[in-house]
PDB file of N, CA and C in Angstrom:
ATOM      1  N   MET A   1      28.294  -6.016  58.441  1.00  0.00           N
ATOM      2  CA  MET A   1      28.187  -6.833  59.639  1.00  0.00           C
ATOM      3  C   MET A   1      27.280  -8.019  59.311  1.00  0.00           C
ATOM      4  N   GLY A   2      27.650  -9.194  59.770  1.00  0.00           N
ATOM      5  CA  GLY A   2      26.891 -10.395  59.481  1.00  0.00           C
ATOM      6  C   GLY A   2      25.602 -10.490  60.275  1.00  0.00           C
ATOM      7  N   ALA A   3      24.774 -11.430  59.872  1.00  0.00           N
ATOM      8  CA  ALA A   3      23.477 -11.613  60.519  1.00  0.00           C
ATOM      9  C   ALA A   3      23.629 -11.989  61.986  1.00  0.00           C
ATOM     10  N   LEU A   4      24.625 -12.798  62.293  1.00  0.00           N
ATOM     11  CA  LEU A   4      24.840 -13.208  63.684  1.00  0.00           C
ATOM     12  C   LEU A   4      25.215 -12.018  64.550  1.00  0.00           C
ATOM     13  N   ALA A   5      26.139 -11.210  64.077  1.00  0.00           N
ATOM     14  CA  ALA A   5      26.570 -10.037  64.845  1.00  0.00           C
ATOM     15  C   ALA A   5      25.426  -9.053  65.042  1.00  0.00           C
ATOM     16  N   ARG A   6      24.636  -8.837  63.994  1.00  0.00           N
ATOM     17  CA  ARG A   6      23.487  -7.924  64.119  1.00  0.00           C
ATOM     18  C   ARG A   6      22.478  -8.440  65.128  1.00  0.00           C
ATOM     19  N   LEU A   7      22.171  -9.732  65.053  1.00  0.00           N
ATOM     20  CA  LEU A   7      21.188 -10.322  65.967  1.00  0.00           C
ATOM     21  C   LEU A   7      21.664 -10.231  67.407  1.00  0.00           C
ATOM     22  N   VAL A   8      22.931 -10.557  67.647  1.00  0.00           N
ATOM     23  CA  VAL A   8      23.470 -10.494  69.009  1.00  0.00           C
ATOM     24  C   VAL A   8      23.508  -9.049  69.501  1.00  0.00           C
ATOM     25  N   ALA A   9      23.913  -8.121  68.658  1.00  0.00           N
ATOM     26  CA  ALA A   9      23.992  -6.719  69.066  1.00  0.00           C
ATOM     27  C   ALA A   9      22.622  -6.162  69.418  1.00  0.00           C
ATOM     28  N   VAL A  10      21.630  -6.426  68.581  1.00  0.00           N
ATOM     29  CA  VAL A  10      20.275  -5.929  68.855  1.00  0.00           C
ATOM     30  C   VAL A  10      19.719  -6.565  70.127  1.00  0.00           C
ATOM     31  N   ALA A  11      19.901  -7.870  70.274  1.00  0.00           N
ATOM     32  CA  ALA A  11      19.399  -8.554  71.464  1.00  0.00           C
ATOM     33  C   ALA A  11      20.109  -8.067  72.718  1.00  0.00           C
ATOM     34  N   ALA A  12      21.401  -7.800  72.626  1.00  0.00           N
ATOM     35  CA  ALA A  12      22.152  -7.331  73.792  1.00  0.00           C
ATOM     36  C   ALA A  12      21.699  -5.941  74.226  1.00  0.00           C
ATOM     37  N   VAL A  13      21.461  -5.072  73.272  1.00  0.00           N
ATOM     38  CA  VAL A  13      20.992  -3.718  73.606  1.00  0.00           C
ATOM     39  C   VAL A  13      19.615  -3.786  74.254  1.00  0.00           C
ATOM     40  N   ILE A  14      18.716  -4.563  73.660  1.00  0.00           N
ATOM     41  CA  ILE A  14      17.369  -4.688  74.223  1.00  0.00           C
ATOM     42  C   ILE A  14      17.418  -5.330  75.600  1.00  0.00           C
ATOM     43  N   ALA A  15      18.252  -6.349  75.777  1.00  0.00           N
ATOM     44  CA  ALA A  15      18.358  -7.018  77.077  1.00  0.00           C
ATOM     45  C   ALA A  15      18.926  -6.083  78.137  1.00  0.00           C
ATOM     46  N   THR A  16      19.900  -5.269  77.768  1.00  0.00           N
ATOM     47  CA  THR A  16      20.478  -4.329  78.724  1.00  0.00           C
ATOM     48  C   THR A  16      19.446  -3.300  79.158  1.00  0.00           C
ATOM     49  N   ILE A  17      18.699  -2.780  78.211  1.00  0.00           N
ATOM     50  CA  ILE A  17      17.656  -1.796  78.541  1.00  0.00           C
ATOM     51  C   ILE A  17      16.563  -2.449  79.389  1.00  0.00           C
ATOM     52  N   ALA A  18      16.131  -3.646  78.996  1.00  0.00           N
ATOM     53  CA  ALA A  18      15.074  -4.331  79.748  1.00  0.00           C
ATOM     54  C   ALA A  18      15.532  -4.670  81.156  1.00  0.00           C
ATOM     55  N   GLY A  19      16.773  -5.115  81.304  1.00  0.00           N
ATOM     56  CA  GLY A  19      17.294  -5.416  82.645  1.00  0.00           C
ATOM     57  C   GLY A  19      17.382  -4.175  83.506  1.00  0.00           C
ATOM     58  N   GLY A  20      17.813  -3.076  82.915  1.00  0.00           N
ATOM     59  CA  GLY A  20      17.865  -1.811  83.656  1.00  0.00           C
ATOM     60  C   GLY A  20      16.488  -1.332  84.071  1.00  0.00           C
ATOM     61  N   LEU A  21      15.530  -1.460  83.168  1.00  0.00           N
ATOM     62  CA  LEU A  21      14.157  -1.066  83.512  1.00  0.00           C
ATOM     63  C   LEU A  21      13.571  -1.959  84.600  1.00  0.00           C
ATOM     64  N   PHE A  22      13.836  -3.266  84.510  1.00  0.00           N
ATOM     65  CA  PHE A  22      13.339  -4.176  85.537  1.00  0.00           C
ATOM     66  C   PHE A  22      13.929  -3.825  86.892  1.00  0.00           C
ATOM     67  N   ASP A  23      15.211  -3.533  86.931  1.00  0.00           N
ATOM     68  CA  ASP A  23      15.849  -3.174  88.194  1.00  0.00           C
ATOM     69  C   ASP A  23      15.278  -1.874  88.740  1.00  0.00           C
ATOM     70  N   ALA A  24      15.017  -0.899  87.859  1.00  0.00           N
ATOM     71  CA  ALA A  24      14.481   0.383  88.306  1.00  0.00           C
ATOM     72  C   ALA A  24      13.049   0.260  88.811  1.00  0.00           C
ATOM     73  N   VAL A  25      12.251  -0.546  88.138  1.00  0.00           N
ATOM     74  CA  VAL A  25      10.836  -0.671  88.506  1.00  0.00           C
ATOM     75  C   VAL A  25      10.632  -1.637  89.665  1.00  0.00           C
ATOM     76  N   HIS A  26      11.246  -2.794  89.576  1.00  0.00           N
ATOM     77  CA  HIS A  26      10.989  -3.849  90.564  1.00  0.00           C
ATOM     78  C   HIS A  26      11.944  -3.792  91.738  1.00  0.00           C
ATOM     79  N   GLY A  27      13.223  -3.631  91.476  1.00  0.00           N
ATOM     80  CA  GLY A  27      14.218  -3.653  92.545  1.00  0.00           C
ATOM     81  C   GLY A  27      14.333  -5.045  93.137  1.00  0.00           C
ATOM     82  N   GLY A  28      14.933  -5.148  94.290  1.00  0.00           N
ATOM     83  CA  GLY A  28      15.042  -6.431  94.964  1.00  0.00           C
ATOM     84  C   GLY A  28      16.129  -7.325  94.413  1.00  0.00           C
ATOM     85  N   THR A  29      16.847  -6.877  93.405  1.00  0.00           N
ATOM     86  CA  THR A  29      17.949  -7.633  92.822  1.00  0.00           C
ATOM     87  C   THR A  29      19.017  -6.655  92.368  1.00  0.00           C
ATOM     88  N   THR A  30      20.197  -7.158  92.127  1.00  0.00           N
ATOM     89  CA  THR A  30      21.251  -6.265  91.644  1.00  0.00           C
ATOM     90  C   THR A  30      21.026  -5.958  90.166  1.00  0.00           C
ATOM     91  N   LEU A  31      21.605  -4.866  89.723  1.00  0.00           N
ATOM     92  CA  LEU A  31      21.474  -4.486  88.313  1.00  0.00           C
ATOM     93  C   LEU A  31      22.100  -5.548  87.414  1.00  0.00           C
ATOM     94  N   ALA A  32      23.241  -6.083  87.833  1.00  0.00           N
ATOM     95  CA  ALA A  32      23.914  -7.096  87.015  1.00  0.00           C
ATOM     96  C   ALA A  32      23.052  -8.347  86.879  1.00  0.00           C
ATOM     97  N   SER A  33      22.419  -8.763  87.954  1.00  0.00           N
ATOM     98  CA  SER A  33      21.558  -9.951  87.881  1.00  0.00           C
ATOM     99  C   SER A  33      20.350  -9.702  86.991  1.00  0.00           C
ATOM    100  N   ALA A  34      19.767  -8.515  87.084  1.00  0.00           N
ATOM    101  CA  ALA A  34      18.616  -8.188  86.247  1.00  0.00           C
ATOM    102  C   ALA A  34      19.002  -8.192  84.768  1.00  0.00           C
ATOM    103  N   ILE A  35      20.165  -7.643  84.454  1.00  0.00           N
ATOM    104  CA  ILE A  35      20.617  -7.632  83.063  1.00  0.00           C
ATOM    105  C   ILE A  35      20.948  -9.047  82.605  1.00  0.00           C
ATOM    106  N   ALA A  36      21.557  -9.848  83.473  1.00  0.00           N
ATOM    107  CA  ALA A  36      21.878 -11.235  83.117  1.00  0.00           C
ATOM    108  C   ALA A  36      20.605 -12.023  82.821  1.00  0.00           C
ATOM    109  N   TYR A  37      19.580 -11.862  83.649  1.00  0.00           N
ATOM    110  CA  TYR A  37      18.306 -12.541  83.388  1.00  0.00           C
ATOM    111  C   TYR A  37      17.723 -12.108  82.044  1.00  0.00           C
ATOM    112  N   ALA A  38      17.830 -10.827  81.738  1.00  0.00           N
ATOM    113  CA  ALA A  38      17.309 -10.331  80.465  1.00  0.00           C
ATOM    114  C   ALA A  38      18.085 -10.939  79.285  1.00  0.00           C
ATOM    115  N   PHE A  39      19.388 -11.122  79.450  1.00  0.00           N
ATOM    116  CA  PHE A  39      20.178 -11.779  78.409  1.00  0.00           C
ATOM    117  C   PHE A  39      19.707 -13.216  78.213  1.00  0.00           C
ATOM    118  N   TRP A  40      19.386 -13.910  79.316  1.00  0.00           N
ATOM    119  CA  TRP A  40      18.934 -15.291  79.219  1.00  0.00           C
ATOM    120  C   TRP A  40      17.554 -15.377  78.568  1.00  0.00           C
ATOM    121  N   PHE A  41      16.691 -14.415  78.870  1.00  0.00           N
ATOM    122  CA  PHE A  41      15.385 -14.380  78.199  1.00  0.00           C
ATOM    123  C   PHE A  41      15.561 -14.103  76.709  1.00  0.00           C
ATOM    124  N   ALA A  42      16.499 -13.228  76.368  1.00  0.00           N
ATOM    125  CA  ALA A  42      16.777 -12.945  74.954  1.00  0.00           C
ATOM    126  C   ALA A  42      17.306 -14.197  74.247  1.00  0.00           C
ATOM    127  N   ALA A  43      18.126 -14.974  74.949  1.00  0.00           N
ATOM    128  CA  ALA A  43      18.637 -16.224  74.373  1.00  0.00           C
ATOM    129  C   ALA A  43      17.496 -17.204  74.114  1.00  0.00           C
ATOM    130  N   ALA A  44      16.581 -17.308  75.057  1.00  0.00           N
ATOM    131  CA  ALA A  44      15.425 -18.191  74.868  1.00  0.00           C
ATOM    132  C   ALA A  44      14.554 -17.701  73.711  1.00  0.00           C
ATOM    133  N   PHE A  45      14.408 -16.390  73.586  1.00  0.00           N
ATOM    134  CA  PHE A  45      13.618 -15.832  72.498  1.00  0.00           C
ATOM    135  C   PHE A  45      14.266 -16.123  71.142  1.00  0.00           C
ATOM    136  N   CYS A  46      15.592 -16.105  71.100  1.00  0.00           N
ATOM    137  CA  CYS A  46      16.290 -16.457  69.852  1.00  0.00           C
ATOM    138  C   CYS A  46      15.995 -17.899  69.450  1.00  0.00           C
ATOM    139  N   LEU A  47      15.913 -18.788  70.426  1.00  0.00           N
ATOM    140  CA  LEU A  47      15.584 -20.178  70.113  1.00  0.00           C
ATOM    141  C   LEU A  47      14.146 -20.298  69.596  1.00  0.00           C
ATOM    142  N   LEU A  48      13.240 -19.499  70.141  1.00  0.00           N
ATOM    143  CA  LEU A  48      11.865 -19.492  69.615  1.00  0.00           C
ATOM    144  C   LEU A  48      11.832 -18.946  68.193  1.00  0.00           C
ATOM    145  N   LEU A  49      12.631 -17.920  67.930  1.00  0.00           N
ATOM    146  CA  LEU A  49      12.694 -17.365  66.577  1.00  0.00           C
ATOM    147  C   LEU A  49      13.247 -18.372  65.582  1.00  0.00           C
ATOM    148  N   MET A  50      14.144 -19.245  66.056  1.00  0.00           N
ATOM    149  CA  MET A  50      14.691 -20.275  65.181  1.00  0.00           C
ATOM    150  C   MET A  50      13.573 -21.178  64.673  1.00  0.00           C
ATOM    151  N   ALA A  51      12.651 -21.530  65.542  1.00  0.00           N
ATOM    152  CA  ALA A  51      11.538 -22.386  65.132  1.00  0.00           C
ATOM    153  C   ALA A  51      10.667 -21.681  64.096  1.00  0.00           C
ATOM    154  N   VAL A  52      10.452 -20.393  64.283  1.00  0.00           N
ATOM    155  CA  VAL A  52       9.650 -19.622  63.322  1.00  0.00           C
ATOM    156  C   VAL A  52      10.392 -19.501  61.991  1.00  0.00           C
ATOM    157  N   ALA A  53      11.697 -19.248  62.064  1.00  0.00           N
ATOM    158  CA  ALA A  53      12.484 -19.076  60.838  1.00  0.00           C
ATOM    159  C   ALA A  53      12.561 -20.366  60.032  1.00  0.00           C
ATOM    160  N   GLY A  54      12.356 -21.491  60.672  1.00  0.00           N
ATOM    161  CA  GLY A  54      12.440 -22.770  59.979  1.00  0.00           C
ATOM    162  C   GLY A  54      11.188 -23.186  59.249  1.00  0.00           C
ATOM    163  N   THR A  55      10.119 -22.434  59.393  1.00  0.00           N
ATOM    164  CA  THR A  55       8.884 -22.801  58.707  1.00  0.00           C
ATOM    165  C   THR A  55       8.933 -22.363  57.253  1.00  0.00           C
ATOM    166  N   LYS A  56       8.234 -23.080  56.403  1.00  0.00           N
ATOM    167  CA  LYS A  56       8.205 -22.746  54.972  1.00  0.00           C
ATOM    168  C   LYS A  56       7.567 -21.382  54.732  1.00  0.00           C
ATOM    169  N   LEU A  57       6.540 -21.067  55.485  1.00  0.00           N
ATOM    170  CA  LEU A  57       5.868 -19.786  55.320  1.00  0.00           C
ATOM    171  C   LEU A  57       6.824 -18.625  55.578  1.00  0.00           C
ATOM    172  N   ALA A  58       7.619 -18.738  56.637  1.00  0.00           N
ATOM    173  CA  ALA A  58       8.575 -17.675  56.947  1.00  0.00           C
ATOM    174  C   ALA A  58       9.640 -17.562  55.869  1.00  0.00           C
ATOM    175  N   TRP A  59      10.109 -18.697  55.365  1.00  0.00           N
ATOM    176  CA  TRP A  59      11.141 -18.671  54.327  1.00  0.00           C
ATOM    177  C   TRP A  59      10.628 -18.041  53.038  1.00  0.00           C
ATOM    178  N   ARG A  60       9.362 -18.266  52.730  1.00  0.00           N
ATOM    179  CA  ARG A  60       8.811 -17.713  51.493  1.00  0.00           C
ATOM    180  C   ARG A  60       8.556 -16.212  51.582  1.00  0.00           C
ATOM    181  N   ARG A  61       8.113 -15.760  52.741  1.00  0.00           N
ATOM    182  CA  ARG A  61       7.664 -14.372  52.858  1.00  0.00           C
ATOM    183  C   ARG A  61       8.679 -13.426  53.479  1.00  0.00           C
ATOM    184  N   LEU A  62       9.559 -13.923  54.321  1.00  0.00           N
ATOM    185  CA  LEU A  62      10.473 -13.053  55.056  1.00  0.00           C
ATOM    186  C   LEU A  62      11.916 -13.357  54.675  1.00  0.00           C
ATOM    187  N   ASP A  63      12.756 -12.380  54.859  1.00  0.00           N
ATOM    188  CA  ASP A  63      14.184 -12.560  54.615  1.00  0.00           C
ATOM    189  C   ASP A  63      14.874 -12.790  55.961  1.00  0.00           C
ATOM    190  N   LEU A  64      14.801 -14.019  56.445  1.00  0.00           N
ATOM    191  CA  LEU A  64      15.358 -14.364  57.746  1.00  0.00           C
ATOM    192  C   LEU A  64      16.652 -15.153  57.573  1.00  0.00           C
ATOM    193  N   PRO A  65      17.554 -15.033  58.554  1.00  0.00           N
ATOM    194  CA  PRO A  65      18.768 -15.852  58.482  1.00  0.00           C
ATOM    195  C   PRO A  65      18.450 -17.320  58.745  1.00  0.00           C
ATOM    196  N   GLU A  66      19.429 -18.163  58.499  1.00  0.00           N
ATOM    197  CA  GLU A  66      19.247 -19.589  58.725  1.00  0.00           C
ATOM    198  C   GLU A  66      19.147 -19.886  60.216  1.00  0.00           C
ATOM    199  N   GLY A  67      18.652 -21.075  60.539  1.00  0.00           N
ATOM    200  CA  GLY A  67      18.420 -21.442  61.926  1.00  0.00           C
ATOM    201  C   GLY A  67      19.667 -21.461  62.788  1.00  0.00           C
ATOM    202  N   TRP A  68      20.823 -21.817  62.217  1.00  0.00           N
ATOM    203  CA  TRP A  68      22.037 -21.879  63.021  1.00  0.00           C
ATOM    204  C   TRP A  68      22.422 -20.511  63.564  1.00  0.00           C
ATOM    205  N   VAL A  69      22.020 -19.441  62.883  1.00  0.00           N
ATOM    206  CA  VAL A  69      22.332 -18.093  63.362  1.00  0.00           C
ATOM    207  C   VAL A  69      21.623 -17.835  64.676  1.00  0.00           C
ATOM    208  N   PHE A  70      20.381 -18.268  64.797  1.00  0.00           N
ATOM    209  CA  PHE A  70      19.628 -18.085  66.031  1.00  0.00           C
ATOM    210  C   PHE A  70      20.207 -18.922  67.164  1.00  0.00           C
ATOM    211  N   VAL A  71      20.642 -20.140  66.850  1.00  0.00           N
ATOM    212  CA  VAL A  71      21.247 -21.004  67.871  1.00  0.00           C
ATOM    213  C   VAL A  71      22.564 -20.404  68.352  1.00  0.00           C
ATOM    214  N   ALA A  72      23.389 -19.944  67.421  1.00  0.00           N
ATOM    215  CA  ALA A  72      24.663 -19.338  67.797  1.00  0.00           C
ATOM    216  C   ALA A  72      24.445 -18.066  68.618  1.00  0.00           C
ATOM    217  N   ALA A  73      23.472 -17.262  68.241  1.00  0.00           N
ATOM    218  CA  ALA A  73      23.156 -16.057  69.014  1.00  0.00           C
ATOM    219  C   ALA A  73      22.698 -16.428  70.407  1.00  0.00           C
ATOM    220  N   SER A  74      21.920 -17.486  70.520  1.00  0.00           N
ATOM    221  CA  SER A  74      21.461 -17.939  71.827  1.00  0.00           C
ATOM    222  C   SER A  74      22.631 -18.364  72.710  1.00  0.00           C
ATOM    223  N   VAL A  75      23.586 -19.063  72.125  1.00  0.00           N
ATOM    224  CA  VAL A  75      24.770 -19.491  72.883  1.00  0.00           C
ATOM    225  C   VAL A  75      25.582 -18.283  73.341  1.00  0.00           C
ATOM    226  N   VAL A  76      25.780 -17.324  72.448  1.00  0.00           N
ATOM    227  CA  VAL A  76      26.546 -16.118  72.793  1.00  0.00           C
ATOM    228  C   VAL A  76      25.837 -15.331  73.893  1.00  0.00           C
ATOM    229  N   LEU A  77      24.531 -15.158  73.770  1.00  0.00           N
ATOM    230  CA  LEU A  77      23.780 -14.401  74.776  1.00  0.00           C
ATOM    231  C   LEU A  77      23.766 -15.115  76.127  1.00  0.00           C
ATOM    232  N   THR A  78      23.686 -16.442  76.110  1.00  0.00           N
ATOM    233  CA  THR A  78      23.727 -17.198  77.360  1.00  0.00           C
ATOM    234  C   THR A  78      25.081 -17.021  78.041  1.00  0.00           C
ATOM    235  N   GLY A  79      26.151 -17.129  77.271  1.00  0.00           N
ATOM    236  CA  GLY A  79      27.487 -16.926  77.832  1.00  0.00           C
ATOM    237  C   GLY A  79      27.688 -15.517  78.351  1.00  0.00           C
ATOM    238  N   ALA A  80      27.207 -14.541  77.607  1.00  0.00           N
ATOM    239  CA  ALA A  80      27.331 -13.150  78.048  1.00  0.00           C
ATOM    240  C   ALA A  80      26.537 -12.916  79.326  1.00  0.00           C
ATOM    241  N   GLY A  81      25.346 -13.492  79.403  1.00  0.00           N
ATOM    242  CA  GLY A  81      24.547 -13.360  80.624  1.00  0.00           C
ATOM    243  C   GLY A  81      25.236 -13.992  81.815  1.00  0.00           C
ATOM    244  N   ALA A  82      25.846 -15.146  81.622  1.00  0.00           N
ATOM    245  CA  ALA A  82      26.574 -15.793  82.716  1.00  0.00           C
ATOM    246  C   ALA A  82      27.765 -14.951  83.151  1.00  0.00           C
ATOM    247  N   ALA A  83      28.485 -14.391  82.182  1.00  0.00           N
ATOM    248  CA  ALA A  83      29.636 -13.534  82.511  1.00  0.00           C
ATOM    249  C   ALA A  83      29.201 -12.287  83.271  1.00  0.00           C
ATOM    250  N   ILE A  84      28.117 -11.679  82.848  1.00  0.00           N
ATOM    251  CA  ILE A  84      27.602 -10.485  83.526  1.00  0.00           C
ATOM    252  C   ILE A  84      27.185 -10.843  84.943  1.00  0.00           C
ATOM    253  N   ASP A  85      26.541 -11.971  85.118  1.00  0.00           N
ATOM    254  CA  ASP A  85      26.095 -12.382  86.451  1.00  0.00           C
ATOM    255  C   ASP A  85      27.278 -12.647  87.375  1.00  0.00           C
ATOM    256  N   VAL A  86      28.301 -13.318  86.861  1.00  0.00           N
ATOM    257  CA  VAL A  86      29.470 -13.636  87.682  1.00  0.00           C
ATOM    258  C   VAL A  86      30.263 -12.363  88.015  1.00  0.00           C
ATOM    259  N   LEU A  87      30.487 -11.534  87.019  1.00  0.00           N
ATOM    260  CA  LEU A  87      31.276 -10.320  87.251  1.00  0.00           C
ATOM    261  C   LEU A  87      30.539  -9.294  88.106  1.00  0.00           C
ATOM    262  N   GLY A  88      29.206  -9.318  88.048  1.00  0.00           N
ATOM    263  CA  GLY A  88      28.423  -8.349  88.829  1.00  0.00           C
ATOM    264  C   GLY A  88      28.180  -8.774  90.254  1.00  0.00           C
ATOM    265  N   SER A  89      28.503 -10.002  90.594  1.00  0.00           N
ATOM    266  CA  SER A  89      28.257 -10.498  91.960  1.00  0.00           C
ATOM    267  C   SER A  89      29.337 -10.074  92.903  1.00  0.00           C
TER     268      SER A  89
END
């Protein structure tokens, strides 16, 4: 499995769990909306990781994918979050 697929899969699982936990603890929103928000936060986090992955220090010490992988994952997660929000409404 490629780096993009792994990143999206891990982020999607974490976002689904985080959205479910937020809905269980906080309430006041639908489960689909909570999961969609978590997907959007995961997308934003991928963009932050892109900035970290682009530094020379990270490239020398860590085995990180290229920056476009984080951007593509962010786009996929944003689209998935929008789809979840629309379908869950």
